[in-house]
Amino acid sequence: MTDSSVAPTPDENVRPTFLPFSPPSVGPEEIAEVVAALQSDWITTGPRTQEFARTFADSV
């Protein structure tokens, strides 16, 4: 059983400063692309996935 009145010792793996959280930037273009994918006959495979794979591969 631990004593909650004793402060924990600093851990070298803990950030000394706050890491800010930023929500994702989702605009009309992203929403339109999601809607288009959901309305298509292809959700997990197909031309959009192939295009993404090619674009991603070109960028890395």
Protein backbone atom coordinates (compact mmCIF):
# COMPACT_ATOMS: atom_id res chain seq x y z
CA MET A 1 0.00 0.00 0.00
CA THR A 2 1.37 3.41 -0.92
CA ASP A 3 1.30 6.52 1.22
CA SER A 4 -0.52 9.26 -0.72
CA SER A 5 0.95 11.95 1.55
CA VAL A 6 4.43 11.34 0.16
CA ALA A 7 5.18 13.25 -3.02
CA PRO A 8 6.53 11.12 -5.86
CA THR A 9 10.14 11.59 -6.82
CA PRO A 10 10.83 13.24 -10.18
CA ASP A 11 11.18 10.75 -12.99
CA GLU A 12 13.77 11.41 -15.68
CA ASN A 13 11.28 10.12 -18.29
CA VAL A 14 8.66 12.76 -17.48
CA ARG A 15 8.62 16.02 -19.44
CA PRO A 16 9.58 19.03 -17.32
CA THR A 17 7.23 21.24 -19.35
CA PHE A 18 3.62 20.90 -20.44
CA LEU A 19 3.10 19.43 -23.92
CA PRO A 20 0.18 21.37 -25.40
CA PHE A 21 -2.64 19.50 -27.08
CA SER A 22 -4.00 20.81 -30.34
CA PRO A 23 -7.15 19.41 -31.89
CA PRO A 24 -6.85 18.22 -35.49
CA SER A 25 -7.53 20.72 -38.22
CA VAL A 26 -10.55 19.34 -40.07
CA GLY A 27 -12.06 21.63 -42.63
CA PRO A 28 -14.58 21.40 -45.46
CA GLU A 29 -12.13 19.66 -47.82
CA GLU A 30 -11.39 16.86 -45.35
CA ILE A 31 -15.08 16.42 -44.57
CA ALA A 32 -15.94 16.29 -48.28
CA GLU A 33 -13.29 13.61 -48.86
CA VAL A 34 -14.63 11.48 -46.00
CA VAL A 35 -18.20 11.82 -47.27
CA ALA A 36 -17.09 10.92 -50.82
CA ALA A 37 -15.31 7.82 -49.54
CA LEU A 38 -18.32 6.75 -47.47
CA GLN A 39 -20.67 7.24 -50.42
CA SER A 40 -18.45 5.27 -52.79
CA ASP A 41 -18.44 1.52 -53.18
CA TRP A 42 -14.90 1.43 -51.79
CA ILE A 43 -14.16 2.21 -48.16
CA THR A 44 -10.97 0.33 -47.29
CA THR A 45 -9.62 -0.62 -50.71
CA GLY A 46 -9.94 0.80 -54.16
CA PRO A 47 -8.80 3.86 -56.07
CA ARG A 48 -8.65 6.29 -53.11
CA THR A 49 -6.52 3.89 -51.09
CA GLN A 50 -4.23 3.29 -54.05
CA GLU A 51 -3.91 7.03 -54.65
CA PHE A 52 -3.09 7.60 -50.98
CA ALA A 53 -0.45 4.84 -51.04
CA ARG A 54 1.19 6.31 -54.14
CA THR A 55 1.15 9.85 -52.76
CA PHE A 56 2.50 8.73 -49.40
CA ALA A 57 5.24 6.62 -51.00
CA ASP A 58 6.29 9.60 -53.16
CA SER A 59 6.54 11.83 -50.09
CA VAL A 60 8.77 9.45 -48.15
